[in-house]
PDB file of N, CA and C in Angstrom:
ATOM      1  N   UNK A   1     -24.188  60.076 -87.434  1.00  0.00           N
ATOM      2  CA  UNK A   1     -25.354  59.274 -87.759  1.00  0.00           C
ATOM      3  C   UNK A   1     -25.279  58.695 -89.170  1.00  0.00           C
ATOM      4  N   UNK A   2     -24.569  59.339 -90.071  1.00  0.00           N
ATOM      5  CA  UNK A   2     -24.463  58.841 -91.445  1.00  0.00           C
ATOM      6  C   UNK A   2     -23.798  57.471 -91.465  1.00  0.00           C
ATOM      7  N   UNK A   3     -22.780  57.273 -90.635  1.00  0.00           N
ATOM      8  CA  UNK A   3     -22.110  55.972 -90.569  1.00  0.00           C
ATOM      9  C   UNK A   3     -23.080  54.920 -90.047  1.00  0.00           C
ATOM     10  N   UNK A   4     -23.852  55.271 -89.042  1.00  0.00           N
ATOM     11  CA  UNK A   4     -24.842  54.354 -88.486  1.00  0.00           C
ATOM     12  C   UNK A   4     -25.871  53.969 -89.547  1.00  0.00           C
ATOM     13  N   UNK A   5     -26.362  54.946 -90.296  1.00  0.00           N
ATOM     14  CA  UNK A   5     -27.328  54.683 -91.361  1.00  0.00           C
ATOM     15  C   UNK A   5     -26.725  53.775 -92.438  1.00  0.00           C
ATOM     16  N   UNK A   6     -25.461  54.009 -92.765  1.00  0.00           N
ATOM     17  CA  UNK A   6     -24.790  53.190 -93.766  1.00  0.00           C
ATOM     18  C   UNK A   6     -24.648  51.747 -93.287  1.00  0.00           C
ATOM     19  N   UNK A   7     -24.280  51.572 -92.029  1.00  0.00           N
ATOM     20  CA  UNK A   7     -24.112  50.225 -91.488  1.00  0.00           C
ATOM     21  C   UNK A   7     -25.434  49.472 -91.417  1.00  0.00           C
ATOM     22  N   UNK A   8     -26.500  50.119 -90.975  1.00  0.00           N
ATOM     23  CA  UNK A   8     -27.780  49.420 -90.835  1.00  0.00           C
ATOM     24  C   UNK A   8     -28.369  49.062 -92.196  1.00  0.00           C
ATOM     25  N   UNK A   9     -27.972  49.785 -93.235  1.00  0.00           N
ATOM     26  CA  UNK A   9     -28.465  49.494 -94.582  1.00  0.00           C
ATOM     27  C   UNK A   9     -27.612  48.454 -95.304  1.00  0.00           C
ATOM     28  N   UNK A  10     -26.546  48.009 -94.686  1.00  0.00           N
ATOM     29  CA  UNK A  10     -25.618  47.075 -95.312  1.00  0.00           C
ATOM     30  C   UNK A  10     -26.250  45.703 -95.561  1.00  0.00           C
ATOM     31  N   UNK A  11     -25.761  45.017 -96.555  1.00  0.00           N
ATOM     32  CA  UNK A  11     -26.182  43.633 -96.798  1.00  0.00           C
ATOM     33  C   UNK A  11     -25.506  42.677 -95.823  1.00  0.00           C
ATOM     34  N   UNK A  12     -24.441  43.122 -95.200  1.00  0.00           N
ATOM     35  CA  UNK A  12     -23.694  42.288 -94.267  1.00  0.00           C
ATOM     36  C   UNK A  12     -24.372  42.251 -92.898  1.00  0.00           C
ATOM     37  N   UNK A  13     -24.693  41.066 -92.454  1.00  0.00           N
ATOM     38  CA  UNK A  13     -25.260  40.891 -91.119  1.00  0.00           C
ATOM     39  C   UNK A  13     -24.361  41.536 -90.072  1.00  0.00           C
ATOM     40  N   UNK A  14     -23.065  41.340 -90.200  1.00  0.00           N
ATOM     41  CA  UNK A  14     -22.133  41.809 -89.178  1.00  0.00           C
ATOM     42  C   UNK A  14     -22.075  43.329 -89.127  1.00  0.00           C
ATOM     43  N   UNK A  15     -22.197  43.996 -90.258  1.00  0.00           N
ATOM     44  CA  UNK A  15     -22.230  45.460 -90.250  1.00  0.00           C
ATOM     45  C   UNK A  15     -23.534  45.967 -89.646  1.00  0.00           C
ATOM     46  N   UNK A  16     -24.644  45.302 -89.953  1.00  0.00           N
ATOM     47  CA  UNK A  16     -25.927  45.696 -89.349  1.00  0.00           C
ATOM     48  C   UNK A  16     -25.889  45.484 -87.836  1.00  0.00           C
ATOM     49  N   UNK A  17     -25.297  44.386 -87.423  1.00  0.00           N
ATOM     50  CA  UNK A  17     -25.192  44.081 -85.990  1.00  0.00           C
ATOM     51  C   UNK A  17     -24.297  45.109 -85.279  1.00  0.00           C
ATOM     52  N   UNK A  18     -23.198  45.493 -85.921  1.00  0.00           N
ATOM     53  CA  UNK A  18     -22.334  46.537 -85.361  1.00  0.00           C
ATOM     54  C   UNK A  18     -23.128  47.835 -85.189  1.00  0.00           C
ATOM     55  N   UNK A  19     -23.959  48.163 -86.167  1.00  0.00           N
ATOM     56  CA  UNK A  19     -24.782  49.376 -86.058  1.00  0.00           C
ATOM     57  C   UNK A  19     -25.648  49.316 -84.805  1.00  0.00           C
ATOM     58  N   UNK A  20     -26.283  48.173 -84.591  1.00  0.00           N
ATOM     59  CA  UNK A  20     -27.182  48.044 -83.440  1.00  0.00           C
ATOM     60  C   UNK A  20     -26.411  48.104 -82.130  1.00  0.00           C
ATOM     61  N   UNK A  21     -25.370  47.318 -82.012  1.00  0.00           N
ATOM     62  CA  UNK A  21     -24.645  47.219 -80.750  1.00  0.00           C
ATOM     63  C   UNK A  21     -23.890  48.512 -80.437  1.00  0.00           C
ATOM     64  N   UNK A  22     -23.475  49.230 -81.454  1.00  0.00           N
ATOM     65  CA  UNK A  22     -22.753  50.483 -81.216  1.00  0.00           C
ATOM     66  C   UNK A  22     -23.633  51.537 -80.551  1.00  0.00           C
ATOM     67  N   UNK A  23     -24.939  51.369 -80.613  1.00  0.00           N
ATOM     68  CA  UNK A  23     -25.825  52.354 -79.975  1.00  0.00           C
ATOM     69  C   UNK A  23     -25.742  52.298 -78.452  1.00  0.00           C
ATOM     70  N   UNK A  24     -25.107  51.261 -77.917  1.00  0.00           N
ATOM     71  CA  UNK A  24     -24.947  51.175 -76.462  1.00  0.00           C
ATOM     72  C   UNK A  24     -24.182  52.383 -75.919  1.00  0.00           C
ATOM     73  N   UNK A  25     -23.247  52.919 -76.694  1.00  0.00           N
ATOM     74  CA  UNK A  25     -22.504  54.108 -76.242  1.00  0.00           C
ATOM     75  C   UNK A  25     -23.458  55.277 -76.011  1.00  0.00           C
ATOM     76  N   UNK A  26     -24.423  55.469 -76.897  1.00  0.00           N
ATOM     77  CA  UNK A  26     -25.409  56.535 -76.717  1.00  0.00           C
ATOM     78  C   UNK A  26     -26.297  56.243 -75.509  1.00  0.00           C
ATOM     79  N   UNK A  27     -26.713  54.984 -75.393  1.00  0.00           N
ATOM     80  CA  UNK A  27     -27.573  54.610 -74.263  1.00  0.00           C
ATOM     81  C   UNK A  27     -26.871  54.900 -72.945  1.00  0.00           C
ATOM     82  N   UNK A  28     -25.602  54.552 -72.860  1.00  0.00           N
ATOM     83  CA  UNK A  28     -24.842  54.810 -71.624  1.00  0.00           C
ATOM     84  C   UNK A  28     -24.746  56.298 -71.316  1.00  0.00           C
ATOM     85  N   UNK A  29     -24.824  57.121 -72.364  1.00  0.00           N
ATOM     86  CA  UNK A  29     -24.795  58.578 -72.179  1.00  0.00           C
ATOM     87  C   UNK A  29     -26.190  59.148 -71.943  1.00  0.00           C
ATOM     88  N   UNK A  30     -27.213  58.263 -71.907  1.00  0.00           N
ATOM     89  CA  UNK A  30     -28.572  58.708 -71.623  1.00  0.00           C
ATOM     90  C   UNK A  30     -29.413  59.027 -72.844  1.00  0.00           C
ATOM     91  N   UNK A  31     -28.926  58.718 -74.033  1.00  0.00           N
ATOM     92  CA  UNK A  31     -29.651  59.010 -75.274  1.00  0.00           C
ATOM     93  C   UNK A  31     -30.041  57.704 -75.971  1.00  0.00           C
ATOM     94  N   UNK A  32     -31.305  57.342 -75.891  1.00  0.00           N
ATOM     95  CA  UNK A  32     -31.776  56.092 -76.479  1.00  0.00           C
ATOM     96  C   UNK A  32     -32.231  56.232 -77.925  1.00  0.00           C
ATOM     97  N   UNK A  33     -32.338  57.446 -78.442  1.00  0.00           N
ATOM     98  CA  UNK A  33     -32.886  57.643 -79.794  1.00  0.00           C
ATOM     99  C   UNK A  33     -32.131  56.867 -80.878  1.00  0.00           C
ATOM    100  N   UNK A  34     -30.794  56.833 -80.891  1.00  0.00           N
ATOM    101  CA  UNK A  34     -30.123  56.030 -81.921  1.00  0.00           C
ATOM    102  C   UNK A  34     -30.501  54.544 -81.854  1.00  0.00           C
ATOM    103  N   UNK A  35     -30.705  54.034 -80.659  1.00  0.00           N
ATOM    104  CA  UNK A  35     -31.122  52.637 -80.514  1.00  0.00           C
ATOM    105  C   UNK A  35     -32.495  52.433 -81.137  1.00  0.00           C
ATOM    106  N   UNK A  36     -33.421  53.327 -80.844  1.00  0.00           N
ATOM    107  CA  UNK A  36     -34.765  53.201 -81.404  1.00  0.00           C
ATOM    108  C   UNK A  36     -34.727  53.350 -82.925  1.00  0.00           C
ATOM    109  N   UNK A  37     -33.902  54.229 -83.398  1.00  0.00           N
ATOM    110  CA  UNK A  37     -33.771  54.460 -84.844  1.00  0.00           C
ATOM    111  C   UNK A  37     -33.288  53.199 -85.559  1.00  0.00           C
ATOM    112  N   UNK A  38     -32.241  52.582 -85.025  1.00  0.00           N
ATOM    113  CA  UNK A  38     -31.698  51.376 -85.648  1.00  0.00           C
ATOM    114  C   UNK A  38     -32.659  50.200 -85.460  1.00  0.00           C
ATOM    115  N   UNK A  39     -33.295  50.110 -84.301  1.00  0.00           N
ATOM    116  CA  UNK A  39     -34.264  49.029 -84.070  1.00  0.00           C
ATOM    117  C   UNK A  39     -35.429  49.129 -85.054  1.00  0.00           C
ATOM    118  N   UNK A  40     -35.907  50.349 -85.292  1.00  0.00           N
ATOM    119  CA  UNK A  40     -36.981  50.564 -86.275  1.00  0.00           C
ATOM    120  C   UNK A  40     -36.556  50.054 -87.647  1.00  0.00           C
ATOM    121  N   UNK A  41     -35.322  50.345 -88.020  1.00  0.00           N
ATOM    122  CA  UNK A  41     -34.805  49.932 -89.327  1.00  0.00           C
ATOM    123  C   UNK A  41     -34.597  48.425 -89.411  1.00  0.00           C
ATOM    124  N   UNK A  42     -34.485  47.770 -88.277  1.00  0.00           N
ATOM    125  CA  UNK A  42     -34.225  46.328 -88.301  1.00  0.00           C
ATOM    126  C   UNK A  42     -35.444  45.480 -87.936  1.00  0.00           C
ATOM    127  N   UNK A  43     -36.617  46.075 -87.869  1.00  0.00           N
ATOM    128  CA  UNK A  43     -37.827  45.322 -87.509  1.00  0.00           C
ATOM    129  C   UNK A  43     -38.081  44.136 -88.436  1.00  0.00           C
ATOM    130  N   UNK A  44     -37.761  44.287 -89.685  1.00  0.00           N
ATOM    131  CA  UNK A  44     -38.064  43.223 -90.643  1.00  0.00           C
ATOM    132  C   UNK A  44     -36.822  42.481 -91.106  1.00  0.00           C
ATOM    133  N   UNK A  45     -35.726  42.628 -90.355  1.00  0.00           N
ATOM    134  CA  UNK A  45     -34.505  41.888 -90.667  1.00  0.00           C
ATOM    135  C   UNK A  45     -34.788  40.400 -90.475  1.00  0.00           C
ATOM    136  N   UNK A  46     -34.276  39.595 -91.358  1.00  0.00           N
ATOM    137  CA  UNK A  46     -34.562  38.156 -91.306  1.00  0.00           C
ATOM    138  C   UNK A  46     -33.560  37.364 -90.470  1.00  0.00           C
ATOM    139  N   UNK A  47     -32.506  38.021 -89.997  1.00  0.00           N
ATOM    140  CA  UNK A  47     -31.454  37.322 -89.254  1.00  0.00           C
ATOM    141  C   UNK A  47     -31.742  37.264 -87.750  1.00  0.00           C
ATOM    142  N   UNK A  48     -31.801  36.049 -87.186  1.00  0.00           N
ATOM    143  CA  UNK A  48     -32.027  35.910 -85.747  1.00  0.00           C
ATOM    144  C   UNK A  48     -30.991  36.647 -84.886  1.00  0.00           C
ATOM    145  N   UNK A  49     -29.747  36.736 -85.346  1.00  0.00           N
ATOM    146  CA  UNK A  49     -28.744  37.465 -84.568  1.00  0.00           C
ATOM    147  C   UNK A  49     -29.061  38.960 -84.488  1.00  0.00           C
ATOM    148  N   UNK A  50     -29.736  39.489 -85.483  1.00  0.00           N
ATOM    149  CA  UNK A  50     -30.177  40.885 -85.424  1.00  0.00           C
ATOM    150  C   UNK A  50     -31.338  41.039 -84.456  1.00  0.00           C
ATOM    151  N   UNK A  51     -32.226  40.058 -84.423  1.00  0.00           N
ATOM    152  CA  UNK A  51     -33.353  40.108 -83.485  1.00  0.00           C
ATOM    153  C   UNK A  51     -32.827  40.149 -82.053  1.00  0.00           C
ATOM    154  N   UNK A  52     -31.845  39.297 -81.778  1.00  0.00           N
ATOM    155  CA  UNK A  52     -31.263  39.217 -80.434  1.00  0.00           C
ATOM    156  C   UNK A  52     -30.548  40.524 -80.066  1.00  0.00           C
ATOM    157  N   UNK A  53     -29.733  41.044 -80.992  1.00  0.00           N
ATOM    158  CA  UNK A  53     -28.999  42.286 -80.726  1.00  0.00           C
ATOM    159  C   UNK A  53     -29.952  43.460 -80.528  1.00  0.00           C
ATOM    160  N   UNK A  54     -30.980  43.526 -81.349  1.00  0.00           N
ATOM    161  CA  UNK A  54     -31.940  44.623 -81.238  1.00  0.00           C
ATOM    162  C   UNK A  54     -32.686  44.559 -79.911  1.00  0.00           C
ATOM    163  N   UNK A  55     -33.130  43.372 -79.540  1.00  0.00           N
ATOM    164  CA  UNK A  55     -33.821  43.216 -78.259  1.00  0.00           C
ATOM    165  C   UNK A  55     -32.932  43.568 -77.082  1.00  0.00           C
ATOM    166  N   UNK A  56     -31.683  43.164 -77.168  1.00  0.00           N
ATOM    167  CA  UNK A  56     -30.712  43.458 -76.109  1.00  0.00           C
ATOM    168  C   UNK A  56     -30.517  44.964 -75.961  1.00  0.00           C
ATOM    169  N   UNK A  57     -30.321  45.665 -77.069  1.00  0.00           N
ATOM    170  CA  UNK A  57     -30.095  47.107 -76.994  1.00  0.00           C
ATOM    171  C   UNK A  57     -31.362  47.849 -76.564  1.00  0.00           C
ATOM    172  N   UNK A  58     -32.529  47.366 -76.997  1.00  0.00           N
ATOM    173  CA  UNK A  58     -33.779  47.980 -76.534  1.00  0.00           C
ATOM    174  C   UNK A  58     -33.928  47.812 -75.025  1.00  0.00           C
ATOM    175  N   UNK A  59     -33.620  46.623 -74.536  1.00  0.00           N
ATOM    176  CA  UNK A  59     -33.683  46.384 -73.088  1.00  0.00           C
ATOM    177  C   UNK A  59     -32.751  47.340 -72.347  1.00  0.00           C
ATOM    178  N   UNK A  60     -31.529  47.486 -72.850  1.00  0.00           N
ATOM    179  CA  UNK A  60     -30.570  48.396 -72.218  1.00  0.00           C
ATOM    180  C   UNK A  60     -31.061  49.845 -72.286  1.00  0.00           C
ATOM    181  N   UNK A  61     -31.683  50.216 -73.389  1.00  0.00           N
ATOM    182  CA  UNK A  61     -32.223  51.579 -73.523  1.00  0.00           C
ATOM    183  C   UNK A  61     -33.269  51.837 -72.441  1.00  0.00           C
ATOM    184  N   UNK A  62     -34.109  50.856 -72.183  1.00  0.00           N
ATOM    185  CA  UNK A  62     -35.128  51.008 -71.148  1.00  0.00           C
ATOM    186  C   UNK A  62     -34.552  51.023 -69.748  1.00  0.00           C
ATOM    187  N   UNK A  63     -33.502  50.247 -69.515  1.00  0.00           N
ATOM    188  CA  UNK A  63     -32.892  50.179 -68.190  1.00  0.00           C
ATOM    189  C   UNK A  63     -32.042  51.399 -67.884  1.00  0.00           C
ATOM    190  N   UNK A  64     -31.277  51.852 -68.863  1.00  0.00           N
ATOM    191  CA  UNK A  64     -30.261  52.877 -68.605  1.00  0.00           C
ATOM    192  C   UNK A  64     -30.660  54.281 -69.037  1.00  0.00           C
ATOM    193  N   UNK A  65     -31.540  54.394 -70.024  1.00  0.00           N
ATOM    194  CA  UNK A  65     -31.836  55.723 -70.570  1.00  0.00           C
ATOM    195  C   UNK A  65     -33.251  56.166 -70.225  1.00  0.00           C
ATOM    196  N   UNK A  66     -34.261  55.522 -70.821  1.00  0.00           N
ATOM    197  CA  UNK A  66     -35.612  56.023 -70.633  1.00  0.00           C
ATOM    198  C   UNK A  66     -36.636  54.904 -70.804  1.00  0.00           C
ATOM    199  N   UNK A  67     -37.174  54.443 -69.695  1.00  0.00           N
ATOM    200  CA  UNK A  67     -38.143  53.345 -69.731  1.00  0.00           C
ATOM    201  C   UNK A  67     -39.430  53.744 -70.433  1.00  0.00           C
ATOM    202  N   UNK A  68     -39.891  54.970 -70.246  1.00  0.00           N
ATOM    203  CA  UNK A  68     -41.147  55.384 -70.879  1.00  0.00           C
ATOM    204  C   UNK A  68     -40.993  55.449 -72.399  1.00  0.00           C
ATOM    205  N   UNK A  69     -39.828  55.856 -72.893  1.00  0.00           N
ATOM    206  CA  UNK A  69     -39.583  55.842 -74.344  1.00  0.00           C
ATOM    207  C   UNK A  69     -39.567  54.409 -74.870  1.00  0.00           C
ATOM    208  N   UNK A  70     -38.971  53.489 -74.100  1.00  0.00           N
ATOM    209  CA  UNK A  70     -38.976  52.081 -74.506  1.00  0.00           C
ATOM    210  C   UNK A  70     -40.403  51.570 -74.585  1.00  0.00           C
ATOM    211  N   UNK A  71     -41.198  51.857 -73.568  1.00  0.00           N
ATOM    212  CA  UNK A  71     -42.588  51.392 -73.551  1.00  0.00           C
ATOM    213  C   UNK A  71     -43.359  51.948 -74.745  1.00  0.00           C
ATOM    214  N   UNK A  72     -43.172  53.213 -75.049  1.00  0.00           N
ATOM    215  CA  UNK A  72     -43.855  53.811 -76.207  1.00  0.00           C
ATOM    216  C   UNK A  72     -43.409  53.139 -77.501  1.00  0.00           C
ATOM    217  N   UNK A  73     -42.116  52.882 -77.628  1.00  0.00           N
ATOM    218  CA  UNK A  73     -41.597  52.203 -78.819  1.00  0.00           C
ATOM    219  C   UNK A  73     -42.219  50.812 -78.948  1.00  0.00           C
ATOM    220  N   UNK A  74     -42.255  50.075 -77.852  1.00  0.00           N
ATOM    221  CA  UNK A  74     -42.804  48.718 -77.872  1.00  0.00           C
ATOM    222  C   UNK A  74     -44.300  48.715 -78.167  1.00  0.00           C
ATOM    223  N   UNK A  75     -45.037  49.669 -77.611  1.00  0.00           N
ATOM    224  CA  UNK A  75     -46.472  49.753 -77.888  1.00  0.00           C
ATOM    225  C   UNK A  75     -46.720  49.972 -79.379  1.00  0.00           C
ATOM    226  N   UNK A  76     -45.870  50.780 -79.998  1.00  0.00           N
ATOM    227  CA  UNK A  76     -46.025  51.068 -81.420  1.00  0.00           C
ATOM    228  C   UNK A  76     -45.578  49.915 -82.309  1.00  0.00           C
ATOM    229  N   UNK A  77     -44.533  49.200 -81.907  1.00  0.00           N
ATOM    230  CA  UNK A  77     -43.913  48.233 -82.814  1.00  0.00           C
ATOM    231  C   UNK A  77     -44.003  46.767 -82.387  1.00  0.00           C
ATOM    232  N   UNK A  78     -44.570  46.467 -81.243  1.00  0.00           N
ATOM    233  CA  UNK A  78     -44.610  45.081 -80.759  1.00  0.00           C
ATOM    234  C   UNK A  78     -45.252  44.138 -81.765  1.00  0.00           C
ATOM    235  N   UNK A  79     -46.262  44.608 -82.453  1.00  0.00           N
ATOM    236  CA  UNK A  79     -46.941  43.763 -83.427  1.00  0.00           C
ATOM    237  C   UNK A  79     -46.092  43.396 -84.623  1.00  0.00           C
ATOM    238  N   UNK A  80     -45.066  44.170 -84.915  1.00  0.00           N
ATOM    239  CA  UNK A  80     -44.193  43.913 -86.063  1.00  0.00           C
ATOM    240  C   UNK A  80     -42.864  43.287 -85.657  1.00  0.00           C
ATOM    241  N   UNK A  81     -42.608  43.211 -84.356  1.00  0.00           N
ATOM    242  CA  UNK A  81     -41.305  42.730 -83.889  1.00  0.00           C
ATOM    243  C   UNK A  81     -41.221  41.216 -83.916  1.00  0.00           C
ATOM    244  N   UNK A  82     -40.062  40.694 -84.311  1.00  0.00           N
ATOM    245  CA  UNK A  82     -39.840  39.256 -84.165  1.00  0.00           C
ATOM    246  C   UNK A  82     -39.913  38.884 -82.678  1.00  0.00           C
ATOM    247  N   UNK A  83     -40.351  37.688 -82.405  1.00  0.00           N
ATOM    248  CA  UNK A  83     -40.566  37.241 -81.024  1.00  0.00           C
ATOM    249  C   UNK A  83     -39.316  37.395 -80.160  1.00  0.00           C
ATOM    250  N   UNK A  84     -38.153  37.013 -80.690  1.00  0.00           N
ATOM    251  CA  UNK A  84     -36.917  37.113 -79.916  1.00  0.00           C
ATOM    252  C   UNK A  84     -36.611  38.557 -79.549  1.00  0.00           C
ATOM    253  N   UNK A  85     -36.799  39.467 -80.495  1.00  0.00           N
ATOM    254  CA  UNK A  85     -36.536  40.883 -80.231  1.00  0.00           C
ATOM    255  C   UNK A  85     -37.431  41.384 -79.104  1.00  0.00           C
ATOM    256  N   UNK A  86     -38.711  41.072 -79.185  1.00  0.00           N
ATOM    257  CA  UNK A  86     -39.648  41.514 -78.153  1.00  0.00           C
ATOM    258  C   UNK A  86     -39.315  40.876 -76.811  1.00  0.00           C
ATOM    259  N   UNK A  87     -39.050  39.583 -76.802  1.00  0.00           N
ATOM    260  CA  UNK A  87     -38.751  38.893 -75.538  1.00  0.00           C
ATOM    261  C   UNK A  87     -37.539  39.484 -74.834  1.00  0.00           C
ATOM    262  N   UNK A  88     -36.487  39.746 -75.584  1.00  0.00           N
ATOM    263  CA  UNK A  88     -35.293  40.358 -74.987  1.00  0.00           C
ATOM    264  C   UNK A  88     -35.585  41.765 -74.492  1.00  0.00           C
ATOM    265  N   UNK A  89     -36.324  42.527 -75.262  1.00  0.00           N
ATOM    266  CA  UNK A  89     -36.585  43.926 -74.928  1.00  0.00           C
ATOM    267  C   UNK A  89     -37.401  44.073 -73.653  1.00  0.00           C
ATOM    268  N   UNK A  90     -38.256  43.109 -73.337  1.00  0.00           N
ATOM    269  CA  UNK A  90     -39.168  43.256 -72.196  1.00  0.00           C
ATOM    270  C   UNK A  90     -38.709  42.511 -70.946  1.00  0.00           C
ATOM    271  N   UNK A  91     -37.548  41.892 -70.978  1.00  0.00           N
ATOM    272  CA  UNK A  91     -37.077  41.073 -69.851  1.00  0.00           C
ATOM    273  C   UNK A  91     -37.102  41.796 -68.505  1.00  0.00           C
ATOM    274  N   UNK A  92     -36.745  43.060 -68.463  1.00  0.00           N
ATOM    275  CA  UNK A  92     -36.634  43.769 -67.191  1.00  0.00           C
ATOM    276  C   UNK A  92     -37.924  44.464 -66.760  1.00  0.00           C
ATOM    277  N   UNK A  93     -38.956  44.379 -67.576  1.00  0.00           N
ATOM    278  CA  UNK A  93     -40.222  45.043 -67.238  1.00  0.00           C
ATOM    279  C   UNK A  93     -41.010  44.209 -66.227  1.00  0.00           C
ATOM    280  N   UNK A  94     -41.962  44.845 -65.605  1.00  0.00           N
ATOM    281  CA  UNK A  94     -42.830  44.155 -64.652  1.00  0.00           C
ATOM    282  C   UNK A  94     -43.628  43.074 -65.383  1.00  0.00           C
ATOM    283  N   UNK A  95     -43.949  41.972 -64.695  1.00  0.00           N
ATOM    284  CA  UNK A  95     -44.681  40.882 -65.347  1.00  0.00           C
ATOM    285  C   UNK A  95     -45.988  41.318 -66.018  1.00  0.00           C
ATOM    286  N   UNK A  96     -46.738  42.199 -65.397  1.00  0.00           N
ATOM    287  CA  UNK A  96     -48.006  42.638 -66.004  1.00  0.00           C
ATOM    288  C   UNK A  96     -47.753  43.418 -67.297  1.00  0.00           C
ATOM    289  N   UNK A  97     -46.666  44.195 -67.302  1.00  0.00           N
ATOM    290  CA  UNK A  97     -46.312  44.965 -68.502  1.00  0.00           C
ATOM    291  C   UNK A  97     -45.863  44.025 -69.624  1.00  0.00           C
ATOM    292  N   UNK A  98     -45.116  42.986 -69.267  1.00  0.00           N
ATOM    293  CA  UNK A  98     -44.680  42.003 -70.273  1.00  0.00           C
ATOM    294  C   UNK A  98     -45.882  41.307 -70.901  1.00  0.00           C
ATOM    295  N   UNK A  99     -46.837  40.923 -70.062  1.00  0.00           N
ATOM    296  CA  UNK A  99     -48.046  40.256 -70.566  1.00  0.00           C
ATOM    297  C   UNK A  99     -48.806  41.181 -71.514  1.00  0.00           C
ATOM    298  N   UNK A 100     -48.943  42.445 -71.137  1.00  0.00           N
ATOM    299  CA  UNK A 100     -49.665  43.412 -71.965  1.00  0.00           C
ATOM    300  C   UNK A 100     -48.989  43.592 -73.325  1.00  0.00           C
ATOM    301  N   UNK A 101     -47.674  43.704 -73.338  1.00  0.00           N
ATOM    302  CA  UNK A 101     -46.953  43.905 -74.599  1.00  0.00           C
ATOM    303  C   UNK A 101     -46.958  42.648 -75.461  1.00  0.00           C
ATOM    304  N   UNK A 102     -46.878  41.482 -74.832  1.00  0.00           N
ATOM    305  CA  UNK A 102     -46.982  40.239 -75.608  1.00  0.00           C
ATOM    306  C   UNK A 102     -48.375  40.111 -76.229  1.00  0.00           C
ATOM    307  N   UNK A 103     -49.390  40.603 -75.524  1.00  0.00           N
ATOM    308  CA  UNK A 103     -50.758  40.560 -76.051  1.00  0.00           C
ATOM    309  C   UNK A 103     -50.875  41.419 -77.305  1.00  0.00           C
ATOM    310  N   UNK A 104     -50.204  42.560 -77.333  1.00  0.00           N
ATOM    311  CA  UNK A 104     -50.205  43.403 -78.531  1.00  0.00           C
ATOM    312  C   UNK A 104     -49.632  42.619 -79.703  1.00  0.00           C
ATOM    313  N   UNK A 105     -48.520  41.946 -79.467  1.00  0.00           N
ATOM    314  CA  UNK A 105     -47.888  41.153 -80.527  1.00  0.00           C
ATOM    315  C   UNK A 105     -48.797  40.001 -80.951  1.00  0.00           C
ATOM    316  N   UNK A 106     -49.460  39.380 -79.987  1.00  0.00           N
ATOM    317  CA  UNK A 106     -50.342  38.254 -80.278  1.00  0.00           C
ATOM    318  C   UNK A 106     -51.535  38.694 -81.134  1.00  0.00           C
ATOM    319  N   UNK A 107     -52.128  39.822 -80.798  1.00  0.00           N
ATOM    320  CA  UNK A 107     -53.264  40.356 -81.569  1.00  0.00           C
ATOM    321  C   UNK A 107     -52.822  40.636 -83.009  1.00  0.00           C
ATOM    322  N   UNK A 108     -51.632  41.222 -83.168  1.00  0.00           N
ATOM    323  CA  UNK A 108     -51.127  41.513 -84.518  1.00  0.00           C
ATOM    324  C   UNK A 108     -50.889  40.222 -85.294  1.00  0.00           C
ATOM    325  N   UNK A 109     -50.365  39.205 -84.635  1.00  0.00           N
ATOM    326  CA  UNK A 109     -50.128  37.923 -85.304  1.00  0.00           C
ATOM    327  C   UNK A 109     -51.447  37.283 -85.719  1.00  0.00           C
ATOM    328  N   UNK A 110     -52.450  37.370 -84.851  1.00  0.00           N
ATOM    329  CA  UNK A 110     -53.773  36.839 -85.183  1.00  0.00           C
ATOM    330  C   UNK A 110     -54.374  37.567 -86.375  1.00  0.00           C
ATOM    331  N   UNK A 111     -54.203  38.873 -86.423  1.00  0.00           N
ATOM    332  CA  UNK A 111     -54.738  39.664 -87.548  1.00  0.00           C
ATOM    333  C   UNK A 111     -54.070  39.252 -88.858  1.00  0.00           C
ATOM    334  N   UNK A 112     -52.762  38.985 -88.811  1.00  0.00           N
ATOM    335  CA  UNK A 112     -52.071  38.517 -90.012  1.00  0.00           C
ATOM    336  C   UNK A 112     -52.570  37.149 -90.435  1.00  0.00           C
ATOM    337  N   UNK A 113     -52.813  36.281 -89.477  1.00  0.00           N
ATOM    338  CA  UNK A 113     -53.329  34.945 -89.771  1.00  0.00           C
ATOM    339  C   UNK A 113     -54.705  35.025 -90.413  1.00  0.00           C
ATOM    340  N   UNK A 114     -55.549  35.895 -89.892  1.00  0.00           N
ATOM    341  CA  UNK A 114     -56.897  36.078 -90.433  1.00  0.00           C
ATOM    342  C   UNK A 114     -56.835  36.627 -91.863  1.00  0.00           C
ATOM    343  N   UNK A 115     -55.878  37.484 -92.130  1.00  0.00           N
ATOM    344  CA  UNK A 115     -55.746  38.073 -93.475  1.00  0.00           C
ATOM    345  C   UNK A 115     -55.301  37.027 -94.481  1.00  0.00           C
ATOM    346  N   UNK A 116     -54.590  35.997 -94.029  1.00  0.00           N
ATOM    347  CA  UNK A 116     -54.110  34.947 -94.918  1.00  0.00           C
ATOM    348  C   UNK A 116     -55.217  33.962 -95.304  1.00  0.00           C
ATOM    349  N   UNK A 117     -56.278  33.957 -94.543  1.00  0.00           N
ATOM    350  CA  UNK A 117     -57.352  32.976 -94.800  1.00  0.00           C
ATOM    351  C   UNK A 117     -58.226  33.395 -95.936  1.00  0.00           C
TER     352      UNK A 117
END
């Protein structure tokens, strides 16, 4: 895990992306926690390629490891997630679940807009 932590903290986009994508090995073994850990650390990353990679790995975590853990993660963090990350992460969920999670993100965005006024 120390190598993973070092990579996700890197200034290099490519090292951060390697950290995220490398969690697929854990997901394939049934352990989604490293994916959630790295996704949490990349919530405020400014690079669109990180948003895409994070959403992709979150989606895989829900499909291959534990859907209920993915749902809990999304409920907690949807409001802070970049749109691309959330969209990728929820692709395989039921339409009603996708709408509900997008609503969480929408409410959070509205609250930020109201705070700016």
